[in-house]
Every structure is written in structure tokens, then in C-alpha cells.
Protein backbone atom coordinates (compact mmCIF):
# COMPACT_ATOMS: atom_id res chain seq x y z
CA MET A 1 -200.43 -82.86 -37.82
CA GLY A 2 -196.74 -82.36 -37.22
CA ALA A 3 -194.72 -83.78 -34.36
CA ARG A 4 -194.40 -82.26 -30.91
CA VAL A 5 -190.75 -81.18 -30.88
CA LEU A 6 -188.85 -80.05 -27.79
CA ILE A 7 -185.75 -78.02 -28.65
CA THR A 8 -183.24 -77.08 -25.95
CA GLY A 9 -180.73 -74.33 -26.57
CA ALA A 10 -183.36 -72.65 -28.73
CA SER A 11 -181.86 -69.17 -28.36
CA GLY A 12 -178.29 -70.14 -29.31
CA PHE A 13 -176.84 -70.16 -32.83
CA ALA A 14 -178.32 -73.29 -34.40
CA GLY A 15 -181.41 -73.27 -32.16
CA PRO A 16 -183.38 -70.50 -33.89
CA HIS A 17 -182.66 -72.05 -37.30
CA LEU A 18 -183.94 -75.41 -36.06
CA VAL A 19 -187.04 -73.85 -34.50
CA ARG A 20 -187.82 -72.11 -37.79
CA ALA A 21 -187.26 -75.25 -39.87
CA CYS A 22 -189.51 -77.35 -37.62
CA GLU A 23 -192.27 -74.76 -37.54
CA GLU A 24 -192.18 -74.39 -41.32
CA ALA A 25 -192.56 -78.18 -41.56
CA GLY A 26 -195.72 -78.00 -39.45
CA ASP A 27 -194.30 -79.25 -36.16
CA ARG A 28 -195.45 -77.92 -32.81
CA VAL A 29 -192.27 -76.58 -31.23
CA ILE A 30 -191.58 -76.18 -27.53
CA ALA A 31 -188.50 -73.94 -27.40
CA VAL A 32 -186.39 -74.13 -24.24
CA SER A 33 -183.62 -71.76 -23.17
CA ARG A 34 -182.61 -69.76 -20.14
CA SER A 35 -184.55 -66.84 -21.62
CA THR A 36 -187.72 -68.93 -21.35
CA GLY A 37 -187.03 -69.52 -17.67
CA VAL A 38 -186.01 -73.18 -17.93
CA ASP A 39 -182.68 -74.09 -16.31
CA LEU A 40 -181.65 -77.58 -17.42
CA THR A 41 -178.98 -77.75 -14.73
CA ASP A 42 -181.97 -78.14 -12.39
CA ALA A 43 -183.14 -81.77 -12.62
CA ALA A 44 -186.66 -80.94 -11.45
CA ALA A 45 -187.00 -78.22 -14.07
CA ALA A 46 -185.82 -80.60 -16.79
CA ARG A 47 -188.37 -83.21 -15.75
CA ALA A 48 -191.13 -80.62 -15.56
CA ILE A 49 -190.60 -79.30 -19.09
CA VAL A 50 -190.35 -82.78 -20.60
CA ARG A 51 -193.48 -83.88 -18.71
CA ALA A 52 -195.43 -80.81 -19.84
CA SER A 53 -194.21 -81.03 -23.44
CA GLU A 54 -195.04 -84.70 -24.03
CA PRO A 55 -192.53 -84.62 -26.92
CA ASP A 56 -192.37 -86.96 -29.88
CA VAL A 57 -188.89 -85.61 -30.67
CA VAL A 58 -186.26 -83.96 -28.47
CA HIS A 59 -183.36 -82.00 -29.98
CA HIS A 60 -180.78 -81.26 -27.27
CA LEU A 61 -178.66 -78.34 -28.44
CA ALA A 62 -178.20 -76.60 -25.09
CA GLY A 63 -174.69 -76.17 -23.77
CA LEU A 64 -171.68 -73.90 -23.39
CA ALA A 65 -170.14 -73.81 -26.86
CA SER A 66 -166.93 -71.79 -26.89
CA VAL A 67 -163.67 -73.75 -27.06
CA GLY A 68 -161.71 -70.69 -25.92
CA GLY A 69 -164.08 -70.11 -23.03
CA SER A 70 -163.67 -73.71 -21.94
CA TRP A 71 -159.94 -73.16 -21.36
CA GLU A 72 -160.73 -70.19 -19.12
CA GLU A 73 -163.41 -72.00 -17.08
CA PRO A 74 -162.89 -75.73 -17.62
CA GLU A 75 -164.81 -76.80 -14.52
CA ARG A 76 -167.87 -74.79 -15.54
CA TRP A 77 -167.85 -76.14 -19.11
CA LEU A 78 -167.56 -79.72 -17.92
CA GLN A 79 -170.16 -79.37 -15.22
CA VAL A 80 -172.81 -77.41 -17.13
CA ASN A 81 -172.68 -79.43 -20.34
CA SER A 82 -172.65 -82.84 -18.68
CA VAL A 83 -175.27 -82.00 -16.02
CA MET A 84 -177.70 -80.56 -18.56
CA ALA A 85 -177.40 -83.65 -20.75
CA LEU A 86 -177.75 -85.97 -17.76
CA ASN A 87 -180.83 -84.14 -16.48
CA LEU A 88 -182.44 -84.14 -19.90
CA LEU A 89 -181.81 -87.84 -20.46
CA GLU A 90 -183.16 -88.69 -17.01
CA ALA A 91 -186.23 -86.57 -17.76
CA VAL A 92 -186.81 -88.39 -21.05
CA ARG A 93 -186.30 -91.75 -19.36
CA THR A 94 -188.92 -91.03 -16.71
CA GLU A 95 -191.38 -88.77 -18.53
CA ALA A 96 -191.16 -89.51 -22.27
CA PRO A 97 -189.34 -92.82 -22.85
CA GLY A 98 -190.81 -93.18 -26.33
CA ALA A 99 -189.41 -89.88 -27.61
CA ARG A 100 -186.78 -89.74 -30.33
CA VAL A 101 -183.76 -87.87 -28.98
CA VAL A 102 -181.15 -86.10 -31.10
CA LEU A 103 -178.25 -85.37 -28.77
CA VAL A 104 -175.88 -82.87 -30.36
CA SER A 105 -172.27 -83.85 -29.82
CA SER A 106 -169.27 -82.46 -31.71
CA GLY A 107 -166.68 -83.43 -34.30
CA GLN A 108 -164.13 -82.16 -31.77
CA VAL A 109 -164.53 -85.37 -29.77
CA TYR A 110 -162.17 -87.01 -32.29
CA GLY A 111 -159.26 -84.73 -31.41
CA ARG A 112 -156.46 -85.46 -33.91
CA PRO A 113 -157.84 -88.20 -36.17
CA ARG A 114 -155.36 -90.74 -37.48
CA HIS A 115 -157.11 -90.82 -40.83
CA LEU A 116 -159.06 -88.25 -42.86
CA PRO A 117 -161.89 -88.06 -43.41
CA VAL A 118 -162.75 -89.35 -39.96
CA GLY A 119 -165.74 -91.65 -39.64
CA GLU A 120 -167.89 -92.53 -36.65
CA ASP A 121 -165.53 -95.36 -35.77
CA GLY A 122 -162.75 -92.86 -35.03
CA ALA A 123 -161.44 -92.96 -31.47
CA LEU A 124 -162.65 -90.33 -29.00
CA ALA A 125 -159.59 -88.26 -28.13
CA PRO A 126 -160.78 -84.77 -27.12
CA GLU A 127 -158.14 -82.07 -26.72
CA SER A 128 -159.97 -79.21 -24.97
CA PRO A 129 -162.28 -78.94 -21.97
CA TYR A 130 -165.12 -78.19 -24.41
CA ALA A 131 -164.37 -81.34 -26.40
CA VAL A 132 -164.12 -83.41 -23.21
CA ALA A 133 -167.51 -82.06 -22.14
CA LYS A 134 -169.01 -82.98 -25.51
CA ALA A 135 -167.46 -86.44 -25.35
CA THR A 136 -169.09 -86.85 -21.94
CA VAL A 137 -172.47 -85.87 -23.40
CA ASP A 138 -171.89 -88.30 -26.26
CA LEU A 139 -171.01 -91.17 -23.91
CA LEU A 140 -173.99 -90.43 -21.69
CA GLY A 141 -176.22 -90.74 -24.74
CA GLY A 142 -174.70 -94.08 -25.61
CA MET A 143 -175.11 -95.33 -22.05
CA TYR A 144 -178.78 -94.31 -21.83
CA ALA A 145 -179.51 -95.91 -25.19
CA GLU A 146 -177.83 -99.15 -24.19
CA THR A 147 -178.92 -99.34 -20.55
CA HIS A 148 -182.43 -97.90 -20.73
CA GLY A 149 -183.39 -98.64 -24.32
CA LEU A 150 -183.98 -95.00 -25.24
CA TRP A 151 -184.10 -93.99 -28.91
CA ILE A 152 -181.03 -91.74 -29.17
CA ILE A 153 -179.11 -90.23 -32.06
CA ARG A 154 -175.66 -88.84 -31.24
CA ALA A 155 -175.04 -86.19 -33.90
CA ARG A 156 -171.34 -85.28 -34.05
CA ALA A 157 -171.56 -81.87 -35.67
CA PHE A 158 -168.39 -80.38 -37.13
CA ASN A 159 -167.90 -76.62 -37.59
CA HIS A 160 -171.00 -74.86 -38.80
CA ALA A 161 -171.52 -71.26 -39.79
CA GLY A 162 -174.10 -68.85 -41.13
CA PRO A 163 -176.31 -65.87 -40.30
CA GLY A 164 -176.72 -65.20 -36.60
CA GLN A 165 -173.40 -66.60 -35.41
CA SER A 166 -171.27 -64.81 -32.81
CA ALA A 167 -168.05 -63.19 -34.03
CA ASP A 168 -166.20 -65.47 -31.58
CA TYR A 169 -166.12 -68.00 -34.45
CA ILE A 170 -163.90 -67.72 -37.51
CA VAL A 171 -166.47 -67.41 -40.33
CA ALA A 172 -168.58 -64.92 -38.41
CA SER A 173 -165.46 -63.00 -37.34
CA LEU A 174 -164.33 -62.62 -40.95
CA ALA A 175 -167.84 -61.66 -42.05
CA ARG A 176 -168.07 -59.01 -39.36
CA GLN A 177 -164.69 -57.56 -40.26
CA VAL A 178 -165.56 -57.10 -43.92
CA ALA A 179 -169.13 -55.97 -43.16
CA ALA A 180 -167.71 -53.16 -41.03
CA VAL A 181 -165.88 -51.64 -44.01
CA GLN A 182 -168.12 -52.72 -46.90
CA GLY A 183 -168.28 -49.94 -49.47
CA ALA A 184 -165.30 -48.07 -48.03
CA ASP A 185 -162.37 -47.03 -50.20
CA GLY A 186 -159.15 -49.00 -50.05
CA ALA A 187 -158.32 -52.51 -48.98
CA CYS A 188 -160.21 -54.37 -46.29
CA ARG A 189 -157.83 -55.40 -43.50
CA ILE A 190 -158.61 -58.81 -42.00
CA VAL A 191 -156.75 -60.19 -39.01
CA THR A 192 -156.64 -63.92 -38.25
CA GLY A 193 -154.60 -66.58 -36.57
CA ASN A 194 -152.95 -69.43 -38.52
CA ALA A 195 -153.90 -68.96 -42.18
CA ASP A 196 -153.18 -72.55 -43.17
CA ALA A 197 -155.37 -74.31 -40.59
CA ARG A 198 -158.21 -76.18 -42.28
CA ARG A 199 -161.63 -77.07 -40.88
CA ASP A 200 -164.78 -78.78 -42.13
CA PHE A 201 -167.57 -76.17 -42.41
CA THR A 202 -171.27 -76.75 -43.05
CA ASP A 203 -173.97 -74.10 -43.32
CA VAL A 204 -176.08 -74.05 -40.15
CA ARG A 205 -179.25 -74.31 -42.25
CA ASP A 206 -177.97 -77.60 -43.68
CA VAL A 207 -176.96 -78.74 -40.21
CA VAL A 208 -180.45 -78.34 -38.76
CA GLU A 209 -181.93 -80.18 -41.75
CA ALA A 210 -179.54 -83.03 -40.90
CA TYR A 211 -180.87 -83.07 -37.33
CA ARG A 212 -184.44 -83.18 -38.60
CA ALA A 213 -183.65 -85.95 -41.08
CA LEU A 214 -181.93 -88.01 -38.38
CA ALA A 215 -184.94 -87.72 -36.09
CA ALA A 216 -187.31 -88.66 -38.89
CA THR A 217 -185.67 -91.57 -40.68
CA ALA A 218 -182.38 -92.76 -39.17
CA GLU A 219 -181.83 -95.69 -36.87
CA PRO A 220 -180.47 -94.82 -33.39
CA GLY A 221 -176.71 -94.48 -33.34
CA VAL A 222 -173.81 -92.12 -34.05
CA TYR A 223 -173.67 -89.87 -37.12
CA ASN A 224 -171.22 -87.22 -38.26
CA VAL A 225 -172.81 -83.99 -39.49
CA CYS A 226 -170.27 -82.34 -41.77
CA SER A 227 -169.50 -81.26 -45.33
CA GLY A 228 -166.80 -83.84 -45.99
CA ARG A 229 -164.28 -81.22 -47.14
CA SER A 230 -161.94 -78.83 -45.36
CA THR A 231 -161.24 -75.15 -46.06
CA SER A 232 -158.28 -73.10 -44.90
CA VAL A 233 -158.50 -69.79 -43.05
CA ALA A 234 -156.79 -68.12 -46.03
CA GLU A 235 -159.50 -69.47 -48.34
CA LEU A 236 -162.20 -68.22 -45.96
CA VAL A 237 -160.60 -64.76 -45.98
CA ALA A 238 -160.75 -64.68 -49.78
CA LEU A 239 -164.40 -65.78 -49.74
CA ALA A 240 -165.26 -63.09 -47.19
CA GLY A 241 -163.61 -60.42 -49.31
CA ALA A 242 -165.46 -61.61 -52.42
CA ALA A 243 -168.76 -61.61 -50.53
CA ALA A 244 -168.21 -58.00 -49.49
CA GLY A 245 -166.82 -56.94 -52.85
CA CYS A 246 -163.62 -55.58 -51.39
CA GLU A 247 -159.91 -56.08 -51.85
CA VAL A 248 -158.51 -57.94 -48.86
CA GLU A 249 -155.36 -57.19 -46.91
CA HIS A 250 -154.83 -60.31 -44.81
CA GLU A 251 -152.74 -60.02 -41.65
CA VAL A 252 -151.79 -62.96 -39.42
CA ASP A 253 -151.55 -61.92 -35.76
CA PRO A 254 -149.00 -64.13 -33.95
CA ALA A 255 -150.98 -63.66 -30.73
CA LEU A 256 -153.90 -65.46 -32.37
CA VAL A 257 -151.83 -68.44 -33.56
CA ARG A 258 -152.46 -71.40 -31.28
CA GLU A 259 -149.63 -73.63 -30.16
CA HIS A 260 -149.88 -77.19 -31.45
CA GLU A 261 -152.60 -76.17 -33.92
CA LEU A 262 -154.45 -79.08 -35.48
CA MET A 263 -153.84 -78.30 -39.14
CA ASP A 264 -156.60 -80.28 -40.87
CA VAL A 265 -159.98 -81.66 -39.81
CA ARG A 266 -162.42 -83.30 -42.17
CA GLY A 267 -165.27 -85.68 -41.46
CA SER A 268 -167.25 -88.21 -43.46
CA HIS A 269 -171.03 -87.90 -43.64
CA ALA A 270 -171.41 -91.22 -45.48
CA ALA A 271 -173.37 -92.82 -42.63
CA LEU A 272 -175.74 -89.84 -42.38
CA THR A 273 -176.30 -89.80 -46.13
CA ALA A 274 -176.91 -93.55 -46.27
CA ALA A 275 -179.42 -93.34 -43.41
CA THR A 276 -181.34 -90.25 -44.51
CA GLY A 277 -180.34 -89.17 -48.01
CA TRP A 278 -179.07 -85.87 -46.55
CA GLU A 279 -176.38 -83.96 -48.43
CA PRO A 280 -175.14 -80.42 -47.80
CA THR A 281 -176.81 -78.08 -50.29
CA ILE A 282 -175.56 -74.58 -49.41
CA THR A 283 -172.14 -73.63 -50.75
CA LEU A 284 -169.55 -72.02 -48.51
CA GLU A 285 -169.61 -69.01 -50.85
CA GLN A 286 -173.32 -68.59 -50.11
CA THR A 287 -172.76 -69.06 -46.40
CA LEU A 288 -170.17 -66.27 -46.40
CA ALA A 289 -172.38 -63.99 -48.49
CA ASP A 290 -175.40 -64.47 -46.24
CA THR A 291 -173.32 -64.08 -43.08
CA VAL A 292 -171.75 -60.84 -44.36
CA GLN A 293 -175.19 -59.43 -45.14
CA TRP A 294 -176.46 -60.45 -41.70
CA TRP A 295 -173.54 -58.63 -40.11
CA VAL A 296 -174.17 -55.53 -42.26
CA GLY A 297 -177.68 -55.37 -40.83
CA GLU A 298 -176.49 -56.14 -37.31
CA LEU A 299 -173.86 -53.39 -37.38
CA ASP A 300 -176.40 -50.93 -38.78
CA ARG A 301 -178.71 -51.74 -35.86
CA GLU A 302 -175.85 -51.30 -33.40
CA ARG A 303 -175.00 -47.89 -34.88
CA GLY A 304 -178.64 -46.86 -34.78
CA ALA A 305 -178.98 -47.89 -31.14
CA ALA A 306 -175.88 -45.85 -30.26
CA LEU A 307 -177.32 -42.62 -31.69
């Protein structure tokens, strides 16, 4: 018999991948999202779903995820993300205090690390409303673990990518751009912001396996979920072109270049690996190839629906 696993944010990007991985492992999954009628900003609703689920494991992925969106509506990002986490933790405390909780934080809580790769001892110095909201979630998890003795993992996930991701994010945006012209004659024009900015990318399918491994074998605490290497936007563009089999014409749009861009981010997953044996297994080349093919199918469906 597998575990009873409650997954919030089950209809987001990582959520469906985690649901699938848990189900394939034999777990009984209770998937929670707004589409299932559960609003975690309602404390009573959060308590009700935790009470009914009687979970062995809780993966809290729910939240507003866009960094750009957080600058447009900072109050909403701060309120929704922190209130959902607070309500969930209170629900676990009162209804399922023995559950193992994986609270998904973000590598963005580190802001501009003084040293690379950044480890879990790096200072929290968030630089966007989204990152502040995630730092709040992270600190709430630490407080509930310390004060109430709950079993809580704070998983600081760095950038992840793969099939099913919105084109609001760089890897998916590049994949969509090349998928739209795959097979066409001539060069594929790709437009980005700063081509030299580097980020730490992990395939979403590896990320959800990290969450599962943390819930199964790690001691409570803080763990980075990352690849341990950084890749530039220019390198991603080349990978996207190779995945689509097209010659790339790369254009940098000054309007997309952020002021005070953080030029390099890279985390260390040494603590995660020591605790669970987890290592990333899917190459970035494969991530791009699979994401391009997902977007080919998605665009075909969009065209078919428009006819």
C-alpha cells in the first residue's frame, strides 16, 4: 500500500508531474487546486481538506508563481502565498500533526548570493515581491517546525522547466518560439532579454522526484533543489534551435532587458544528495527537446480549435 499524499497546486506546472509520479509509485493522491473547488486562502476549507484526506505526506506547491506578475500586484502575491501556507500549516497542526510536509520554497529567497554555488546557509535576501512571499512561506515552515514540532521540509527549488510550462518562463518561451516555425524555411528568429544572464535549471520531472525523495528519506530541514550548474540565455537559445532542427537568428530586445539583472545564479544540492541520494538525471538538452515537442502539440491543438 502506498502513502496517502495530499498535493496542493496540483493543476500548476510541477503539480501534474508530481501527481503522476506519486500515482505511478502506488500512492493514493488527493489533488487540490482551485479547479477542484478548494480555496486554501479559506482557513476552514484548508482544515476540511486536510481532515478528510488524513494524509501521510503533504506536498504544498500551491501559490502565485510569476516574478513579473508579483511586481504588478505585490500585495496580492504576498497575501495569497503567505495566507495559503499559513492556513495549510495550521490545518496540518490541528488535523494531521504526524504528516510529513514538503513546503516548496524557492531559490530566489537568496537574492544575490555572496558565494556560488549557494548553499542552504546562504542569507535570505529576496529581491522581488514573489521572492519575499516565498521567503515568508519558508520562514513560516521553520516556525511551525520549531514551535509545534511538525515534520517539515523546506525545499528551495531553483528554476525548473519541461513539458507543460507556461511561455511566461524563459525555457518554455524559447521552446514555443521555435515550435511555431519548426519545419519552415529560413532562420528561426528568437527574441529574448539579456543573453548573458545565467540561471540554474532542473527538469521538472527531476524536481518532483526530489520532492518525493525528501518526503521519504530526508530529515526535516532546508534543502536546495537544483542542478548545481548555470546556463546562459544564449546557450538556451542554441539548445532550443538544435531541438527544433532550425538555424537560429537570436535578437535581444532592449525592452526585455531588466535593470540591475542578477547575472549568475547557481545552487548546491549537496545536502539533498547526501540526505536522499538524489541527483538530476535529465539533461538540459532533453528538457529542451521534450518541451519543444510539447509546444508543437499544443500549438497544433490551438490551431485545430481555431478552425
